[in-house]
Structures are given as C-alpha cells and as structure tokens.
C-alpha cells in the first residue's frame, strides 16, 4: 500500500463518519474513472478556477 493510501485509511478510521463516507465515495469514483481512462478528460477545479479568475480579471480591466 502506498503512503497516501495508508494515511487516507488512518484518517478515515479516526475521522467523522459522514466525511469518511463522502471521501470513500469520491475515491471510488476516481478509481472507476481511472479504470475507464476518463481522468484525462475531466477538468480539475484548480484549472476551472484559474479560467474564472482570468475571465473576472479581464472583465474588471474592461470596466
């Protein structure tokens, strides 16, 4: 098991039950997407935020 998997497992065992369920659901979704080679098609939130910040910055300059 990788270090990140061990850390995640420890956190999930000792954390909030509802948060653990949500994290488990999200990790399962990521694994499923990886199995279907779909991860490269998804936009990351960071990239989306960067685009929105760029758009907002351009609109502020236009005013």
C-alpha atoms as a PDB file:
ATOM      1  CA  UNK A   1       0.000   0.000   0.000  1.00  0.00           C
ATOM      2  CA  UNK A   2       1.319   3.457  -0.806  1.00  0.00           C
ATOM      3  CA  UNK A   3       1.960   6.074   1.850  1.00  0.00           C
ATOM      4  CA  UNK A   4      -1.010   8.144   0.706  1.00  0.00           C
ATOM      5  CA  UNK A   5      -3.316   5.125   0.911  1.00  0.00           C
ATOM      6  CA  UNK A   6      -2.101   4.358   4.423  1.00  0.00           C
ATOM      7  CA  UNK A   7      -2.622   7.984   5.502  1.00  0.00           C
ATOM      8  CA  UNK A   8      -6.096   8.052   3.969  1.00  0.00           C
ATOM      9  CA  UNK A   9      -7.036   4.796   5.658  1.00  0.00           C
ATOM     10  CA  UNK A  10      -5.898   6.105   9.047  1.00  0.00           C
ATOM     11  CA  UNK A  11      -7.781   9.389   8.600  1.00  0.00           C
ATOM     12  CA  UNK A  12     -10.954   7.603   7.538  1.00  0.00           C
ATOM     13  CA  UNK A  13     -10.847   5.300  10.563  1.00  0.00           C
ATOM     14  CA  UNK A  14     -10.489   8.155  13.035  1.00  0.00           C
ATOM     15  CA  UNK A  15     -12.480  10.933  11.400  1.00  0.00           C
ATOM     16  CA  UNK A  16     -16.090  11.978  11.067  1.00  0.00           C
ATOM     17  CA  UNK A  17     -18.270   9.134   9.792  1.00  0.00           C
ATOM     18  CA  UNK A  18     -20.125  11.261   7.225  1.00  0.00           C
ATOM     19  CA  UNK A  19     -16.890  12.763   5.900  1.00  0.00           C
ATOM     20  CA  UNK A  20     -15.395   9.272   5.654  1.00  0.00           C
ATOM     21  CA  UNK A  21     -18.382   8.109   3.594  1.00  0.00           C
ATOM     22  CA  UNK A  22     -18.060  11.069   1.219  1.00  0.00           C
ATOM     23  CA  UNK A  23     -14.311  10.604   0.820  1.00  0.00           C
ATOM     24  CA  UNK A  24     -14.814   6.884   0.195  1.00  0.00           C
ATOM     25  CA  UNK A  25     -17.438   7.677  -2.461  1.00  0.00           C
ATOM     26  CA  UNK A  26     -15.159  10.195  -4.175  1.00  0.00           C
ATOM     27  CA  UNK A  27     -12.137   7.886  -4.148  1.00  0.00           C
ATOM     28  CA  UNK A  28     -14.260   5.067  -5.573  1.00  0.00           C
ATOM     29  CA  UNK A  29     -15.429   7.439  -8.316  1.00  0.00           C
ATOM     30  CA  UNK A  30     -11.831   8.396  -9.128  1.00  0.00           C
ATOM     31  CA  UNK A  31     -10.817   4.726  -9.283  1.00  0.00           C
ATOM     32  CA  UNK A  32     -13.728   3.982 -11.605  1.00  0.00           C
ATOM     33  CA  UNK A  33     -12.806   6.886 -13.877  1.00  0.00           C
ATOM     34  CA  UNK A  34      -9.171   5.770 -13.915  1.00  0.00           C
ATOM     35  CA  UNK A  35     -10.260   2.249 -14.872  1.00  0.00           C
ATOM     36  CA  UNK A  36     -12.061   3.728 -17.877  1.00  0.00           C
ATOM     37  CA  UNK A  37      -9.178   6.088 -18.775  1.00  0.00           C
ATOM     38  CA  UNK A  38     -11.542   9.020 -18.238  1.00  0.00           C
ATOM     39  CA  UNK A  39      -9.492  11.062 -15.796  1.00  0.00           C
ATOM     40  CA  UNK A  40      -7.657  12.968 -18.504  1.00  0.00           C
ATOM     41  CA  UNK A  41     -10.995  14.200 -19.844  1.00  0.00           C
ATOM     42  CA  UNK A  42     -12.061  15.816 -16.576  1.00  0.00           C
ATOM     43  CA  UNK A  43     -11.188  19.422 -15.807  1.00  0.00           C
ATOM     44  CA  UNK A  44      -9.682  19.986 -12.422  1.00  0.00           C
ATOM     45  CA  UNK A  45     -11.266  22.503 -10.088  1.00  0.00           C
ATOM     46  CA  UNK A  46      -7.994  24.398  -9.989  1.00  0.00           C
ATOM     47  CA  UNK A  47      -7.996  24.828 -13.762  1.00  0.00           C
ATOM     48  CA  UNK A  48     -11.647  25.888 -13.745  1.00  0.00           C
ATOM     49  CA  UNK A  49     -10.941  28.437 -11.006  1.00  0.00           C
ATOM     50  CA  UNK A  50      -7.942  29.762 -12.925  1.00  0.00           C
ATOM     51  CA  UNK A  51     -10.112  30.287 -16.005  1.00  0.00           C
ATOM     52  CA  UNK A  52     -12.809  32.015 -13.956  1.00  0.00           C
ATOM     53  CA  UNK A  53     -10.212  34.256 -12.296  1.00  0.00           C
ATOM     54  CA  UNK A  54      -8.795  35.155 -15.712  1.00  0.00           C
ATOM     55  CA  UNK A  55     -12.270  35.984 -17.033  1.00  0.00           C
ATOM     56  CA  UNK A  56     -13.094  38.024 -13.927  1.00  0.00           C
ATOM     57  CA  UNK A  57      -9.775  39.859 -14.216  1.00  0.00           C
ATOM     58  CA  UNK A  58     -10.432  40.687 -17.856  1.00  0.00           C
ATOM     59  CA  UNK A  59     -13.888  41.990 -17.078  1.00  0.00           C
ATOM     60  CA  UNK A  60     -12.532  44.159 -14.260  1.00  0.00           C
ATOM     61  CA  UNK A  61      -9.969  45.708 -16.651  1.00  0.00           C
ATOM     62  CA  UNK A  62     -12.661  46.362 -19.280  1.00  0.00           C
ATOM     63  CA  UNK A  63     -14.714  48.454 -16.836  1.00  0.00           C
END
